């Protein structure tokens, strides 16, 4: 695993609290001398290409940088932390796991009864009173479910791979374009790269970015649950490549973007797979913004998505880098 990937995966970034992962991205962009800024929603927006182009030559590439987590709702007099969810996931799957707060303090996720729900869950920080707990955390603080990062020959197992792997793909495509100076100089379009906030909170960051950029086209890069583990279903499999999401519950891919992506895959000697997704992406807010944005999504398979031990395949990531790079050249 290279340093960029490791830094992205290891950075704190619960939705609405993305400052650490944002710093990793900004530092990398600055090292490449790529123009970037942070907007009011905390999105990182980078620019490449020729400025002041008409709308039809303005394209936005989007990859969200936030992840799910828990938030402290109330601290009991006994020092136990009552919690809520940030994002949609099976909260009971994280009972008996460790969490880490933005300030570095940690605790254990517990549940007060068998087959309990979120209301029965709490975090134990090993203190005996509310006053002791308040010395470590406050109501409203958020935490991420932690785990080890395990690198195998073909795969990586870690938390937050959805969508830090997507951020990595976009950054590496940008790095490649930056290195091809003649190609970049001859690029007759405006390219905006958005590393968005608050995806798990209805895509609020991407919506604000789409409003300010007002692009003609948007390509979203995101993770999608694979269907190749025991008991799962779906068409995506680890190591079998990326796919084009033609529809989910919130959006249908625009036919022009679909044709563009078919051309990109064809250029690489590949035939794109098409998937219907139960999960949403930032595209759900982008495509409706302003007078509308022609939007599509490419996805990479994530096994055990929305857990603290997600799994992705290196070959899928490399293909994603190639797809994004070649899409930039259209």
Protein backbone atom coordinates (compact mmCIF):
# COMPACT_ATOMS: atom_id res chain seq x y z
CA UNK A 1 0.00 0.00 0.00
CA UNK A 2 1.44 3.36 -0.93
CA UNK A 3 1.54 6.29 1.49
CA UNK A 4 -1.32 8.23 -0.09
CA UNK A 5 -3.72 5.29 0.16
CA UNK A 6 -2.64 4.58 3.72
CA UNK A 7 -3.04 8.23 4.76
CA UNK A 8 -6.52 8.44 3.21
CA UNK A 9 -7.75 5.24 4.84
CA UNK A 10 -6.29 6.13 8.23
CA UNK A 11 -7.65 9.68 8.39
CA UNK A 12 -10.60 10.59 10.63
CA UNK A 13 -13.57 11.75 8.60
CA UNK A 14 -17.03 11.14 10.03
CA UNK A 15 -19.60 13.05 8.00
CA UNK A 16 -19.53 16.73 8.92
CA UNK A 17 -16.09 16.31 10.53
CA UNK A 18 -13.83 15.72 7.52
CA UNK A 19 -10.98 18.08 8.41
CA UNK A 20 -8.32 15.36 8.83
CA UNK A 21 -9.00 13.56 5.56
CA UNK A 22 -9.42 16.94 3.87
CA UNK A 23 -5.92 17.89 5.03
CA UNK A 24 -4.49 14.72 3.46
CA UNK A 25 -6.13 15.57 0.13
CA UNK A 26 -5.13 19.25 0.16
CA UNK A 27 -1.53 18.40 1.04
CA UNK A 28 -1.35 15.99 -1.88
CA UNK A 29 -2.89 18.48 -4.31
CA UNK A 30 -0.46 21.16 -3.16
CA UNK A 31 2.46 18.79 -3.70
CA UNK A 32 1.27 18.41 -7.31
CA UNK A 33 0.84 22.20 -7.59
CA UNK A 34 -2.82 21.80 -8.52
CA UNK A 35 -5.05 24.77 -7.79
CA UNK A 36 -7.59 24.02 -5.04
CA UNK A 37 -9.85 25.65 -2.50
CA UNK A 38 -12.16 24.71 0.37
CA UNK A 39 -15.74 25.94 0.07
CA UNK A 40 -18.23 26.81 2.83
CA UNK A 41 -19.42 23.19 3.09
CA UNK A 42 -15.88 21.93 3.57
CA UNK A 43 -15.60 20.40 0.11
CA UNK A 44 -12.17 20.38 -1.49
CA UNK A 45 -12.57 21.73 -5.03
CA UNK A 46 -9.60 21.46 -7.37
CA UNK A 47 -9.28 22.82 -10.90
CA UNK A 48 -7.44 21.73 -14.05
CA UNK A 49 -7.76 22.75 -17.69
CA UNK A 50 -8.72 26.06 -19.29
CA UNK A 51 -10.72 28.58 -17.30
CA UNK A 52 -13.86 30.48 -18.25
CA UNK A 53 -15.17 27.86 -20.67
CA UNK A 54 -18.85 27.72 -21.65
CA UNK A 55 -21.11 25.40 -19.66
CA UNK A 56 -20.93 22.59 -22.21
CA UNK A 57 -17.16 22.36 -21.62
CA UNK A 58 -17.41 22.23 -17.83
CA UNK A 59 -17.14 18.81 -16.14
CA UNK A 60 -17.19 17.88 -12.46
CA UNK A 61 -15.64 14.71 -11.00
CA UNK A 62 -16.94 13.88 -7.53
CA UNK A 63 -15.77 11.52 -4.81
CA UNK A 64 -17.03 11.84 -1.26
CA UNK A 65 -14.48 11.78 1.55
CA UNK A 66 -16.74 11.27 4.58
CA UNK A 67 -17.71 8.07 6.33
CA UNK A 68 -20.33 6.84 8.80
CA UNK A 69 -20.00 6.95 12.58
CA UNK A 70 -21.71 7.56 15.89
CA UNK A 71 -22.55 10.81 17.69
CA UNK A 72 -22.91 11.39 21.45
CA UNK A 73 -26.51 12.36 22.24
CA UNK A 74 -26.30 12.37 26.02
CA UNK A 75 -23.84 11.48 28.79
CA UNK A 76 -25.40 9.56 31.68
CA UNK A 77 -24.58 10.43 35.30
CA UNK A 78 -22.70 7.12 35.38
CA UNK A 79 -20.44 8.29 32.53
CA UNK A 80 -21.86 6.06 29.80
CA UNK A 81 -22.39 7.76 26.42
CA UNK A 82 -25.79 7.41 24.73
CA UNK A 83 -25.36 7.51 20.97
CA UNK A 84 -27.03 8.12 17.64
CA UNK A 85 -26.00 7.25 14.10
CA UNK A 86 -24.35 9.43 11.47
CA UNK A 87 -25.37 7.68 8.26
CA UNK A 88 -27.41 4.58 7.52
CA UNK A 89 -25.89 1.27 8.63
CA UNK A 90 -26.57 -1.70 10.89
CA UNK A 91 -25.48 -0.22 14.19
CA UNK A 92 -25.77 -3.49 16.12
CA UNK A 93 -22.99 -4.98 13.97
CA UNK A 94 -20.56 -2.76 15.87
CA UNK A 95 -21.39 -3.92 19.38
CA UNK A 96 -18.18 -4.94 21.24
CA UNK A 97 -16.04 -2.92 18.82
CA UNK A 98 -13.81 0.06 19.60
CA UNK A 99 -14.51 3.61 18.48
CA UNK A 100 -12.20 6.59 18.27
CA UNK A 101 -13.19 10.23 18.71
CA UNK A 102 -11.77 13.13 16.74
CA UNK A 103 -9.63 14.15 19.72
CA UNK A 104 -8.06 10.68 19.85
CA UNK A 105 -9.95 9.30 22.86
CA UNK A 106 -11.41 5.81 22.53
CA UNK A 107 -14.25 3.73 23.93
CA UNK A 108 -16.09 0.44 23.61
CA UNK A 109 -19.50 0.04 21.96
CA UNK A 110 -21.86 -1.85 24.27
CA UNK A 111 -25.52 -2.90 24.34
CA UNK A 112 -27.66 -3.31 27.44
CA UNK A 113 -29.79 -6.24 26.32
CA UNK A 114 -29.81 -9.10 23.85
CA UNK A 115 -31.39 -8.24 20.48
CA UNK A 116 -31.40 -4.59 21.49
CA UNK A 117 -31.63 -1.57 19.21
CA UNK A 118 -29.77 1.72 18.94
CA UNK A 119 -31.66 3.01 21.98
CA UNK A 120 -30.04 0.24 24.05
CA UNK A 121 -26.52 0.99 22.85
CA UNK A 122 -23.90 3.09 24.58
CA UNK A 123 -20.16 3.73 24.65
CA UNK A 124 -18.10 2.84 27.71
CA UNK A 125 -14.97 4.97 28.16
CA UNK A 126 -13.94 3.35 31.42
CA UNK A 127 -14.99 6.26 33.63
CA UNK A 128 -17.34 6.32 36.62
CA UNK A 129 -19.21 9.60 36.30
CA UNK A 130 -20.55 12.20 33.89
CA UNK A 131 -17.93 14.65 35.13
CA UNK A 132 -15.10 12.27 34.27
CA UNK A 133 -16.58 11.60 30.84
CA UNK A 134 -16.88 15.32 30.15
CA UNK A 135 -13.15 15.67 30.64
CA UNK A 136 -12.71 13.41 27.59
CA UNK A 137 -15.66 14.12 25.29
CA UNK A 138 -18.73 16.34 24.93
CA UNK A 139 -22.29 15.83 23.75
CA UNK A 140 -22.28 16.26 19.97
CA UNK A 141 -18.83 14.72 19.52
CA UNK A 142 -18.60 12.07 16.80
CA UNK A 143 -16.56 8.90 16.61
CA UNK A 144 -15.51 6.40 13.97
CA UNK A 145 -15.55 2.62 14.31
CA UNK A 146 -11.92 1.55 14.29
CA UNK A 147 -10.13 -1.52 12.99
CA UNK A 148 -6.72 -2.62 11.81
CA UNK A 149 -5.56 -2.05 8.25
CA UNK A 150 -4.62 -5.40 6.72
CA UNK A 151 -2.88 -5.63 3.38
CA UNK A 152 -3.01 -8.87 1.41
CA UNK A 153 -1.40 -9.68 -1.95
CA UNK A 154 -4.43 -8.61 -3.99
CA UNK A 155 -6.67 -6.89 -1.48
CA UNK A 156 -6.82 -4.53 1.44
CA UNK A 157 -9.09 -4.88 4.49
CA UNK A 158 -9.77 -1.70 6.43
CA UNK A 159 -12.47 0.72 7.60
CA UNK A 160 -13.63 3.63 5.39
CA UNK A 161 -12.49 2.08 2.10
CA UNK A 162 -15.82 3.37 0.82
CA UNK A 163 -15.02 5.98 -0.33
CA UNK A 164 -11.36 6.65 0.41
CA UNK A 165 -10.53 4.25 -2.43
CA UNK A 166 -12.62 6.48 -4.70
CA UNK A 167 -10.74 9.58 -3.54
CA UNK A 168 -7.50 7.76 -4.28
CA UNK A 169 -8.62 6.92 -7.83
CA UNK A 170 -9.46 10.54 -8.58
CA UNK A 171 -6.22 11.87 -7.08
CA UNK A 172 -4.10 9.41 -9.06
CA UNK A 173 -5.93 10.30 -12.28
CA UNK A 174 -5.21 13.98 -11.56
CA UNK A 175 -1.56 13.19 -10.89
CA UNK A 176 -1.31 11.37 -14.20
CA UNK A 177 -2.92 14.26 -16.09
CA UNK A 178 -0.62 16.74 -14.37
CA UNK A 179 2.35 14.70 -15.52
CA UNK A 180 1.26 14.74 -19.18
CA UNK A 181 1.95 18.44 -19.76
CA UNK A 182 1.18 18.53 -23.47
CA UNK A 183 -2.13 16.73 -22.98
CA UNK A 184 -3.09 19.11 -20.18
CA UNK A 185 -2.12 22.19 -22.20
CA UNK A 186 -4.26 21.04 -25.13
CA UNK A 187 -7.25 20.21 -22.95
CA UNK A 188 -10.02 22.53 -24.13
CA UNK A 189 -12.33 22.24 -21.13
CA UNK A 190 -12.75 23.12 -17.47
CA UNK A 191 -12.28 20.20 -15.06
CA UNK A 192 -13.45 20.53 -11.47
CA UNK A 193 -12.62 17.83 -8.93
CA UNK A 194 -14.81 17.74 -5.85
CA UNK A 195 -13.90 15.77 -2.74
CA UNK A 196 -17.25 16.16 -1.09
CA UNK A 197 -18.49 16.29 2.49
CA UNK A 198 -21.63 14.91 4.10
CA UNK A 199 -22.44 12.22 1.56
CA UNK A 200 -24.06 10.06 4.23
CA UNK A 201 -26.17 13.07 5.23
CA UNK A 202 -28.04 13.27 1.91
CA UNK A 203 -25.12 14.47 -0.22
CA UNK A 204 -25.17 18.02 1.06
CA UNK A 205 -21.58 18.83 0.13
CA UNK A 206 -21.91 17.66 -3.47
CA UNK A 207 -25.12 19.62 -3.89
CA UNK A 208 -23.45 22.88 -2.84
CA UNK A 209 -20.49 22.21 -5.15
CA UNK A 210 -22.74 21.48 -8.12
CA UNK A 211 -24.60 24.74 -7.53
CA UNK A 212 -21.41 26.83 -7.45
CA UNK A 213 -19.67 25.08 -10.38
CA UNK A 214 -22.77 24.69 -12.58
CA UNK A 215 -21.25 21.96 -14.79
CA UNK A 216 -22.73 20.35 -17.87
CA UNK A 217 -21.47 16.90 -16.87
CA UNK A 218 -20.72 15.18 -13.57
CA UNK A 219 -19.06 11.83 -12.97
CA UNK A 220 -19.38 10.35 -9.49
CA UNK A 221 -16.87 7.77 -8.24
CA UNK A 222 -18.15 5.63 -5.37
CA UNK A 223 -18.06 2.20 -3.75
CA UNK A 224 -20.85 -0.34 -4.20
CA UNK A 225 -21.54 -3.49 -2.19
CA UNK A 226 -20.22 -6.57 -3.98
CA UNK A 227 -22.38 -9.62 -4.44
CA UNK A 228 -19.71 -12.29 -4.26
CA UNK A 229 -19.59 -13.16 -0.56
CA UNK A 230 -21.67 -15.98 0.93
CA UNK A 231 -25.28 -14.95 1.35
CA UNK A 232 -24.97 -11.73 -0.65
CA UNK A 233 -26.47 -10.83 -4.01
CA UNK A 234 -25.56 -8.51 -6.84
CA UNK A 235 -23.46 -8.41 -9.99
CA UNK A 236 -20.24 -6.90 -8.67
CA UNK A 237 -17.35 -9.16 -7.68
CA UNK A 238 -14.00 -8.32 -6.14
CA UNK A 239 -11.25 -8.36 -8.74
CA UNK A 240 -13.65 -8.29 -11.69
CA UNK A 241 -13.40 -4.58 -12.31
CA UNK A 242 -15.50 -1.44 -11.97
CA UNK A 243 -18.99 -0.93 -13.35
CA UNK A 244 -21.37 1.76 -14.53
CA UNK A 245 -24.38 2.29 -12.31
CA UNK A 246 -27.23 2.88 -14.72
CA UNK A 247 -29.87 3.39 -12.03
CA UNK A 248 -30.50 3.49 -8.32
CA UNK A 249 -33.42 4.62 -6.17
CA UNK A 250 -32.62 8.29 -6.72
CA UNK A 251 -31.19 8.68 -10.22
CA UNK A 252 -30.97 7.25 -13.74
CA UNK A 253 -27.70 7.82 -15.57
CA UNK A 254 -27.91 10.43 -18.31
CA UNK A 255 -27.65 8.76 -21.71
CA UNK A 256 -24.82 11.06 -22.83
CA UNK A 257 -22.68 10.14 -19.83
CA UNK A 258 -23.49 6.47 -20.39
CA UNK A 259 -22.28 6.76 -23.98
CA UNK A 260 -19.16 8.61 -22.84
CA UNK A 261 -18.30 5.86 -20.38
CA UNK A 262 -18.93 3.13 -22.93
CA UNK A 263 -16.39 4.89 -25.16
CA UNK A 264 -13.85 5.10 -22.33
CA UNK A 265 -14.15 1.41 -21.49
CA UNK A 266 -13.92 0.58 -25.19
CA UNK A 267 -10.74 2.62 -25.53
CA UNK A 268 -9.22 0.44 -22.81
CA UNK A 269 -10.36 -2.74 -24.57
CA UNK A 270 -13.03 -3.42 -21.97
CA UNK A 271 -16.78 -3.80 -21.99
CA UNK A 272 -18.44 -2.04 -19.07
CA UNK A 273 -20.63 -3.91 -16.66
CA UNK A 274 -23.90 -2.21 -15.79
CA UNK A 275 -25.44 -2.46 -12.34
CA UNK A 276 -28.64 -1.36 -10.67
CA UNK A 277 -27.84 -0.09 -7.19
CA UNK A 278 -29.96 -0.15 -4.06
CA UNK A 279 -27.61 2.42 -2.56
CA UNK A 280 -27.48 6.08 -3.48
CA UNK A 281 -24.50 8.25 -4.39
CA UNK A 282 -23.78 11.99 -4.55
CA UNK A 283 -25.41 11.90 -7.96
CA UNK A 284 -28.83 12.01 -6.30
CA UNK A 285 -28.39 15.69 -5.42
CA UNK A 286 -26.04 16.73 -8.23
CA UNK A 287 -28.29 15.83 -11.16
CA UNK A 288 -31.18 17.99 -9.86
CA UNK A 289 -29.13 21.07 -9.03
CA UNK A 290 -29.66 24.35 -10.90
CA UNK A 291 -31.18 23.65 -14.30
CA UNK A 292 -29.92 20.06 -14.11
CA UNK A 293 -26.57 18.29 -14.54
CA UNK A 294 -25.93 15.35 -16.87
CA UNK A 295 -24.72 12.86 -14.30
CA UNK A 296 -23.40 9.31 -14.16
CA UNK A 297 -21.70 7.09 -11.60
CA UNK A 298 -18.93 4.52 -11.81
CA UNK A 299 -18.61 2.10 -8.92
CA UNK A 300 -15.98 -0.28 -7.62
CA UNK A 301 -16.87 -3.40 -5.61
CA UNK A 302 -16.60 -3.28 -1.83
CA UNK A 303 -17.02 -6.52 0.07
CA UNK A 304 -18.57 -6.13 3.57
CA UNK A 305 -19.52 -2.53 2.84
CA UNK A 306 -20.58 -0.34 5.77
CA UNK A 307 -18.54 -2.33 8.28
CA UNK A 308 -15.23 -1.58 9.96
CA UNK A 309 -13.55 -4.31 7.90
CA UNK A 310 -14.38 -3.49 4.28
CA UNK A 311 -12.43 -5.17 1.50
CA UNK A 312 -11.39 -3.90 -1.93
CA UNK A 313 -9.15 -5.30 -4.65
CA UNK A 314 -6.09 -3.50 -6.00
CA UNK A 315 -6.84 -4.38 -9.64
CA UNK A 316 -10.30 -2.79 -9.35
CA UNK A 317 -8.70 0.36 -7.96
CA UNK A 318 -6.19 0.51 -10.81
CA UNK A 319 -8.95 0.10 -13.38
CA UNK A 320 -10.85 2.92 -11.68
CA UNK A 321 -7.80 5.18 -11.97
CA UNK A 322 -7.59 4.39 -15.70
CA UNK A 323 -11.31 4.98 -16.29
CA UNK A 324 -11.29 8.36 -14.53
CA UNK A 325 -8.13 9.50 -16.33
CA UNK A 326 -9.48 8.63 -19.78
CA UNK A 327 -12.83 10.24 -18.98
CA UNK A 328 -10.98 13.50 -18.33
CA UNK A 329 -9.65 13.47 -21.91
CA UNK A 330 -13.06 13.32 -23.62
